Every structure is written in structure tokens, then in C-alpha cells.
């Protein structure tokens, strides 16, 4: 099988590419390297058994001619390319909106043209400012005002979902939407605001761990291996078409407790430093106080249940960052 992964040089995309290569498939990657890196797939390009089955193109998904050829060539498309990370979104709001909306429009149009199977990676951000748990796929959406650019990412990804479902309902495009809850693992960078690699890096350097707000906001975290497993099985399951599925972990933890656990696991001498949101991100930021997924829907379809708990996730990230001096 020939698989296209947009954003395939990114953190999640590189792990997905590796899983398909391990399976014996041909993998095509397109990535503009805005947040991805060729370093993430260097080990794949060097492996002899992969070299003839891995094709990498450094380009934008907005390049319709490039996408026309790639989507025409492949049978399954995993659309992961997007502007990601709170800091990146706030620093480059126009670029983020363009990539997320116009880029997805190109992908869906061409997948529909060639009648190709597509999985769209979305985000738990689309739920907005809910405080209840768990969040389920049929929940209403609650956003802050448009003056808070933090919500532009959530709104643009929600528009991606609307477009995907519109194609499914009007043309029968085989598209599945996966909402991710804080995916974590080796090769993830903290450069764009990703909390676990950022805190681990600080702990390994015995620097203060910077926790935003009062640290009482809670999250669940999902290991990238569990996410990749779910992506591949959703993509091969026709019953998932036209549906939205949460993919997330089960252990709810406050960011303050997360920082404390990281300090302990790293045997670090770091202290925790609380930083007000406005000092960290400026006036355009609001946070979600709670983000916990309901996973009953995906569990009933493909048997998904996260296999890697938070302790193991942290241990994997710490080990990777120590070995690679991140």
C-alpha cells in the first residue's frame, strides 16, 4: 500500500511513517519543515530496508501541483500538516490560519477528486472552554472572543472538520476525523509550547520549571505509539468514515503535579516557578482549565485503550532527551 503523510517530518508524522514502513508499505511524506525536521526521519532514510519505500518532498501542502501528484499516487492519506503549538499560533496567526484552512481544503479537494481514503488529524482544542469531564464527540463548542487569538487555532481546526464532514455528506468522501489529546513521546520538541518536553529539558538542566497560571489546569497525555496504532486502525476501518473520534489518555493530572513528577523522575534540583499567563503569552491568550477525553466511541469501534501510562510516557521522554542531549 502507498501512504501519504502530510506533515510527515513532524513529531507524530515521523512515528506514523516508521510504523507503515515496518509494515512493509510505501510511505510518501510532504512537509514544509515549519515545525517539522528532517532529523525526525533521518534514521528512516538511512535504514536499508526502508530506502526504496520512503519518498520525502520538502514542500507546502498549499502547492496544489505537488499535492495533485502525491495524492494521485497514494491510496491512503493521513493529513497531519498543520500549524501547531500555542507559541507558534500566537507568533504567526495569519500563517497558522492559512495553513490549517487552505491547506486542508487542498487535501480534501484532491482526495475527493481521486476518491482516496483520508484521515484528518484534529485536536481537543476544538472543544474550547469546557470545564466538565469527560469531553465527548457530541459536546457543544465554547470559545472565547475573536480578540483572543489563542482560539484561532481551535476555530480553524473546527472549520477543517466541517469541510471534511461536508465532503463526506455531499460526495461520499471516505474521511475520518481524529481529535488528539496532548500527544507526547520521543522526538517531540518543546520549542512551540509543548509542555512535557519543555519541562523535562528544564529539569535535566536544573533550571526552574516554568508553570503558567496557578498550575491547577489539568490535562491527560497520550503516548505517540498509542496514537499511531489508533490512526492506522481508523484508516483501515470503513465504519469510521464520516465520524469524529477522540484519541486520548486516561490519567488526569494538573500541570503543577506534572512538574513535580518530572522533577522527581529526573532527580533534578529544579524548583517550580509560576508565571502569569499574560507575562508568558501576552493579552491574546486564554487557557482551558480541564481537558479529559471520553474514549468510549473509539474503544467500541477498534478496541482502543491507551497501553502506555503517564509514568511510562515521562520515562520515555526523559530517556530520549538524556540520550540526545536535548
Protein backbone atom coordinates (compact mmCIF):
# COMPACT_ATOMS: atom_id res chain seq x y z
CA UNK A 1 0.00 0.00 0.00
CA UNK A 2 1.13 3.56 -0.73
CA UNK A 3 0.53 6.01 2.12
CA UNK A 4 0.85 9.81 2.04
CA UNK A 5 1.56 11.60 5.33
CA UNK A 6 1.30 15.38 5.20
CA UNK A 7 3.50 16.80 7.94
CA UNK A 8 5.38 13.51 7.90
CA UNK A 9 8.63 15.03 9.17
CA UNK A 10 6.87 16.23 12.29
CA UNK A 11 6.77 14.51 15.65
CA UNK A 12 3.66 12.37 15.14
CA UNK A 13 4.10 12.04 11.38
CA UNK A 14 7.58 10.57 11.70
CA UNK A 15 6.35 7.88 14.09
CA UNK A 16 3.43 7.09 11.78
CA UNK A 17 5.79 6.84 8.81
CA UNK A 18 8.00 4.42 10.72
CA UNK A 19 5.03 2.21 11.62
CA UNK A 20 3.89 1.96 7.99
CA UNK A 21 7.44 1.24 6.82
CA UNK A 22 7.72 -1.50 9.44
CA UNK A 23 4.52 -2.93 7.98
CA UNK A 24 6.06 -3.07 4.52
CA UNK A 25 4.19 -0.18 2.91
CA UNK A 26 5.48 2.63 0.71
CA UNK A 27 5.45 5.98 2.52
CA UNK A 28 5.33 9.40 0.88
CA UNK A 29 5.99 12.47 3.03
CA UNK A 30 5.39 16.13 2.30
CA UNK A 31 6.49 18.69 4.89
CA UNK A 32 7.49 22.36 4.67
CA UNK A 33 9.62 21.96 7.84
CA UNK A 34 7.98 24.94 9.56
CA UNK A 35 7.68 22.88 12.74
CA UNK A 36 8.89 19.50 11.47
CA UNK A 37 12.50 18.49 10.90
CA UNK A 38 14.39 16.14 8.59
CA UNK A 39 16.20 14.97 11.73
CA UNK A 40 12.97 13.22 12.75
CA UNK A 41 13.14 10.92 9.73
CA UNK A 42 16.92 10.73 9.22
CA UNK A 43 17.07 7.27 10.79
CA UNK A 44 14.35 6.09 8.39
CA UNK A 45 16.21 7.34 5.32
CA UNK A 46 19.37 5.58 6.49
CA UNK A 47 17.78 2.16 7.04
CA UNK A 48 18.47 -0.05 4.04
CA UNK A 49 15.14 -1.88 4.03
CA UNK A 50 13.27 1.46 4.05
CA UNK A 51 15.23 3.42 1.44
CA UNK A 52 13.32 2.19 -1.61
CA UNK A 53 9.94 2.65 0.08
CA UNK A 54 10.35 6.13 1.59
CA UNK A 55 9.84 9.26 -0.51
CA UNK A 56 10.28 12.72 1.05
CA UNK A 57 9.31 16.03 -0.53
CA UNK A 58 10.08 19.33 1.19
CA UNK A 59 7.18 21.48 0.06
CA UNK A 60 3.94 23.07 1.21
CA UNK A 61 0.54 21.40 1.13
CA UNK A 62 -0.59 24.70 -0.44
CA UNK A 63 1.35 23.68 -3.57
CA UNK A 64 -1.57 22.17 -5.43
CA UNK A 65 0.53 20.66 -8.23
CA UNK A 66 2.73 18.80 -5.76
CA UNK A 67 -0.30 17.56 -3.84
CA UNK A 68 -2.04 16.53 -7.06
CA UNK A 69 0.80 14.14 -7.90
CA UNK A 70 1.19 12.77 -4.38
CA UNK A 71 -2.49 12.16 -3.70
CA UNK A 72 -2.93 10.67 -7.17
CA UNK A 73 -0.09 8.24 -6.39
CA UNK A 74 -1.17 7.11 -2.92
CA UNK A 75 -4.13 5.08 -1.69
CA UNK A 76 -4.42 6.44 1.86
CA UNK A 77 -3.76 9.98 3.08
CA UNK A 78 -3.04 10.93 6.69
CA UNK A 79 -3.42 14.69 6.88
CA UNK A 80 -1.28 15.82 9.83
CA UNK A 81 0.23 19.01 8.40
CA UNK A 82 -0.90 21.98 10.48
CA UNK A 83 0.35 24.91 12.48
CA UNK A 84 0.83 23.54 16.00
CA UNK A 85 1.76 24.77 19.45
CA UNK A 86 0.39 27.73 21.39
CA UNK A 87 3.52 29.83 20.95
CA UNK A 88 3.65 29.23 17.19
CA UNK A 89 -0.03 30.10 16.78
CA UNK A 90 0.32 33.36 18.72
CA UNK A 91 3.53 34.35 16.92
CA UNK A 92 2.24 33.57 13.42
CA UNK A 93 -1.57 33.83 13.45
CA UNK A 94 -2.08 34.55 9.74
CA UNK A 95 0.25 31.79 8.59
CA UNK A 96 -1.40 29.38 11.00
CA UNK A 97 -4.93 30.10 9.78
CA UNK A 98 -3.88 29.84 6.13
CA UNK A 99 -2.11 26.53 6.61
CA UNK A 100 -4.89 24.98 8.63
CA UNK A 101 -7.81 26.04 6.45
CA UNK A 102 -6.50 26.46 2.90
CA UNK A 103 -4.10 23.53 3.24
CA UNK A 104 -6.87 21.21 4.39
CA UNK A 105 -9.08 22.49 1.58
CA UNK A 106 -6.45 21.39 -0.95
CA UNK A 107 -6.07 17.97 0.67
CA UNK A 108 -9.81 17.28 0.82
CA UNK A 109 -10.49 18.56 -2.71
CA UNK A 110 -7.84 16.30 -4.22
CA UNK A 111 -8.72 13.28 -2.09
CA UNK A 112 -12.26 13.71 -3.32
CA UNK A 113 -11.11 14.11 -6.93
CA UNK A 114 -9.20 10.81 -6.79
CA UNK A 115 -11.57 9.09 -4.34
CA UNK A 116 -8.81 8.42 -1.82
CA UNK A 117 -9.19 7.42 1.82
CA UNK A 118 -8.20 10.21 4.22
CA UNK A 119 -7.73 10.55 7.96
CA UNK A 120 -7.81 14.11 9.26
CA UNK A 121 -5.88 14.82 12.45
CA UNK A 122 -7.79 17.33 14.55
CA UNK A 123 -7.36 18.41 18.15
CA UNK A 124 -9.03 18.52 21.55
CA UNK A 125 -8.63 22.30 21.27
CA UNK A 126 -11.86 22.37 19.25
CA UNK A 127 -13.87 21.76 22.44
CA UNK A 128 -12.89 25.20 23.72
CA UNK A 129 -13.55 26.37 27.27
CA UNK A 130 -15.46 23.44 28.75
CA UNK A 131 -14.69 22.57 32.38
CA UNK A 132 -16.57 19.27 32.62
CA UNK A 133 -15.11 15.84 32.00
CA UNK A 134 -15.01 13.71 30.05
CA UNK A 135 -15.33 15.58 26.77
CA UNK A 136 -17.28 13.58 24.21
CA UNK A 137 -17.56 13.98 20.46
CA UNK A 138 -21.11 15.37 20.61
CA UNK A 139 -20.35 18.15 23.13
CA UNK A 140 -21.12 21.74 22.22
CA UNK A 141 -18.25 24.08 21.38
CA UNK A 142 -17.44 27.06 23.65
CA UNK A 143 -14.85 29.62 22.53
CA UNK A 144 -13.60 32.93 23.82
CA UNK A 145 -13.78 36.17 21.81
CA UNK A 146 -12.06 36.60 18.45
CA UNK A 147 -9.77 39.17 20.05
CA UNK A 148 -8.08 36.27 21.86
CA UNK A 149 -6.01 34.77 19.06
CA UNK A 150 -5.44 31.65 21.11
CA UNK A 151 -8.83 30.48 19.81
CA UNK A 152 -7.92 30.96 16.14
CA UNK A 153 -6.23 27.56 16.11
CA UNK A 154 -9.26 25.83 17.61
CA UNK A 155 -11.64 27.60 15.22
CA UNK A 156 -9.52 26.80 12.15
CA UNK A 157 -9.33 23.11 13.07
CA UNK A 158 -13.07 23.06 13.67
CA UNK A 159 -13.55 24.51 10.18
CA UNK A 160 -11.36 21.66 8.87
CA UNK A 161 -13.76 19.23 10.49
CA UNK A 162 -16.78 20.97 8.95
CA UNK A 163 -15.18 20.77 5.50
CA UNK A 164 -14.35 17.10 5.92
CA UNK A 165 -17.85 16.19 7.05
CA UNK A 166 -19.37 18.28 4.25
CA UNK A 167 -17.38 16.28 1.68
CA UNK A 168 -18.49 13.03 3.30
CA UNK A 169 -22.16 14.04 3.27
CA UNK A 170 -22.24 15.52 -0.23
CA UNK A 171 -19.79 13.33 -2.17
CA UNK A 172 -19.24 10.26 0.00
CA UNK A 173 -15.53 11.01 0.55
CA UNK A 174 -14.09 8.38 2.89
CA UNK A 175 -12.83 10.66 5.62
CA UNK A 176 -12.36 10.08 9.36
CA UNK A 177 -11.59 12.76 11.95
CA UNK A 178 -9.39 12.07 14.97
CA UNK A 179 -9.24 14.59 17.84
CA UNK A 180 -5.94 14.28 19.68
CA UNK A 181 -5.45 14.99 23.37
CA UNK A 182 -1.86 16.05 24.13
CA UNK A 183 0.21 13.51 22.24
CA UNK A 184 3.68 13.03 23.74
CA UNK A 185 6.80 10.95 23.08
CA UNK A 186 10.36 10.86 21.78
CA UNK A 187 11.26 13.45 19.11
CA UNK A 188 8.69 15.97 20.32
CA UNK A 189 10.14 19.44 20.76
CA UNK A 190 9.25 21.96 23.43
CA UNK A 191 10.09 24.82 21.07
CA UNK A 192 6.46 25.67 20.32
CA UNK A 193 4.98 25.41 23.79
CA UNK A 194 4.66 21.61 24.23
CA UNK A 195 4.63 21.23 27.97
CA UNK A 196 6.29 17.88 28.76
CA UNK A 197 9.47 18.25 26.64
CA UNK A 198 9.81 21.83 27.83
CA UNK A 199 9.58 20.87 31.50
CA UNK A 200 11.84 17.83 31.06
CA UNK A 201 14.51 19.94 29.38
CA UNK A 202 14.40 22.43 32.24
CA UNK A 203 14.57 19.67 34.86
CA UNK A 204 17.56 17.97 33.20
CA UNK A 205 19.38 21.30 33.24
CA UNK A 206 18.37 22.00 36.85
CA UNK A 207 16.64 25.16 35.68
CA UNK A 208 13.36 26.43 37.17
CA UNK A 209 10.35 24.64 35.74
CA UNK A 210 8.09 27.32 34.33
CA UNK A 211 4.42 26.56 35.01
CA UNK A 212 1.87 29.01 33.64
CA UNK A 213 -1.01 30.37 35.69
CA UNK A 214 -1.54 28.67 39.04
CA UNK A 215 -0.74 25.21 37.67
CA UNK A 216 -4.15 23.82 38.61
CA UNK A 217 -5.22 23.37 34.98
CA UNK A 218 -5.45 19.65 34.19
CA UNK A 219 -4.62 17.55 31.14
CA UNK A 220 -4.36 13.95 30.03
CA UNK A 221 -1.44 12.80 27.89
CA UNK A 222 -1.28 10.14 25.17
CA UNK A 223 1.83 8.30 24.05
CA UNK A 224 2.56 8.66 20.33
CA UNK A 225 2.68 4.86 19.98
CA UNK A 226 -0.94 4.62 21.08
CA UNK A 227 -1.91 7.43 18.69
CA UNK A 228 -0.18 5.76 15.73
CA UNK A 229 -1.91 2.46 16.49
CA UNK A 230 -5.28 4.22 16.52
CA UNK A 231 -4.59 6.18 13.32
CA UNK A 232 -3.72 3.08 11.36
CA UNK A 233 -6.76 1.15 12.51
CA UNK A 234 -9.17 4.02 11.97
CA UNK A 235 -7.80 4.45 8.43
CA UNK A 236 -8.44 0.82 7.57
CA UNK A 237 -11.92 0.71 9.12
CA UNK A 238 -14.61 1.87 6.69
CA UNK A 239 -17.15 2.14 9.52
CA UNK A 240 -15.20 5.12 10.87
CA UNK A 241 -15.90 7.25 7.78
CA UNK A 242 -17.88 10.42 8.39
CA UNK A 243 -17.25 10.20 12.13
CA UNK A 244 -15.23 12.06 14.77
CA UNK A 245 -13.21 10.15 17.38
CA UNK A 246 -11.33 11.25 20.49
CA UNK A 247 -7.87 9.73 20.96
CA UNK A 248 -6.52 10.36 24.44
CA UNK A 249 -5.13 9.08 27.71
CA UNK A 250 -6.97 8.31 30.91
CA UNK A 251 -4.91 9.84 33.73
CA UNK A 252 -5.90 13.42 34.56
CA UNK A 253 -3.08 15.43 36.11
CA UNK A 254 -2.59 19.09 37.00
CA UNK A 255 0.36 20.83 35.36
CA UNK A 256 1.74 21.61 38.81
CA UNK A 257 1.68 17.92 39.75
CA UNK A 258 3.16 17.06 36.36
CA UNK A 259 6.10 19.38 37.03
CA UNK A 260 6.63 17.81 40.45
CA UNK A 261 6.66 14.31 38.96
CA UNK A 262 9.15 15.34 36.29
CA UNK A 263 11.50 16.82 38.90
CA UNK A 264 11.33 13.57 40.86
CA UNK A 265 11.90 11.29 37.86
CA UNK A 266 14.83 13.42 36.66
CA UNK A 267 16.37 13.55 40.15
CA UNK A 268 16.54 17.27 39.49
CA UNK A 269 17.32 20.11 41.84
CA UNK A 270 14.95 22.40 39.96
CA UNK A 271 12.27 24.47 41.60
CA UNK A 272 8.87 25.35 40.15
CA UNK A 273 8.26 28.91 39.03
CA UNK A 274 4.67 30.08 38.46
CA UNK A 275 4.36 32.60 35.62
CA UNK A 276 1.14 34.56 34.95
CA UNK A 277 -0.39 33.87 31.55
CA UNK A 278 -0.17 37.49 30.44
CA UNK A 279 3.58 37.55 31.09
CA UNK A 280 4.12 34.27 29.23
CA UNK A 281 1.85 34.84 26.23
CA UNK A 282 0.53 38.39 26.30
CA UNK A 283 -3.04 39.56 26.04
CA UNK A 284 -4.14 37.13 23.30
CA UNK A 285 -4.10 34.02 25.48
CA UNK A 286 -6.77 32.15 27.42
CA UNK A 287 -6.39 28.62 28.75
CA UNK A 288 -8.63 25.60 29.03
CA UNK A 289 -8.82 24.61 32.69
CA UNK A 290 -9.58 20.98 32.02
CA UNK A 291 -9.17 18.62 29.08
CA UNK A 292 -10.11 14.98 29.60
CA UNK A 293 -11.32 12.75 26.73
CA UNK A 294 -14.17 10.32 26.62
CA UNK A 295 -12.89 7.38 24.54
CA UNK A 296 -15.89 5.06 24.61
CA UNK A 297 -16.67 5.70 20.94
CA UNK A 298 -13.25 4.73 19.60
CA UNK A 299 -12.97 1.90 22.10
CA UNK A 300 -16.20 0.34 20.84
CA UNK A 301 -15.10 0.63 17.19
CA UNK A 302 -11.46 -0.52 17.20
CA UNK A 303 -10.81 -1.57 20.80
CA UNK A 304 -8.63 1.44 21.54
CA UNK A 305 -7.41 1.78 25.10
CA UNK A 306 -4.11 3.53 25.84
CA UNK A 307 -1.42 0.99 26.71
CA UNK A 308 1.25 3.42 27.95
CA UNK A 309 0.51 5.26 31.20
CA UNK A 310 1.79 8.68 32.21
CA UNK A 311 4.70 7.32 34.26
CA UNK A 312 5.96 5.34 31.27
CA UNK A 313 5.38 8.31 28.94
CA UNK A 314 7.53 10.55 31.15
CA UNK A 315 10.21 7.89 31.47
CA UNK A 316 10.39 7.50 27.67
CA UNK A 317 10.69 11.24 27.07
CA UNK A 318 13.29 11.71 29.81
CA UNK A 319 15.38 8.80 28.50
CA UNK A 320 15.24 10.14 24.93
CA UNK A 321 16.16 13.68 25.92
CA UNK A 322 19.07 12.46 28.08
CA UNK A 323 20.45 10.30 25.28
CA UNK A 324 20.12 13.01 22.65
CA UNK A 325 21.22 15.86 24.96
CA UNK A 326 18.03 17.78 24.18
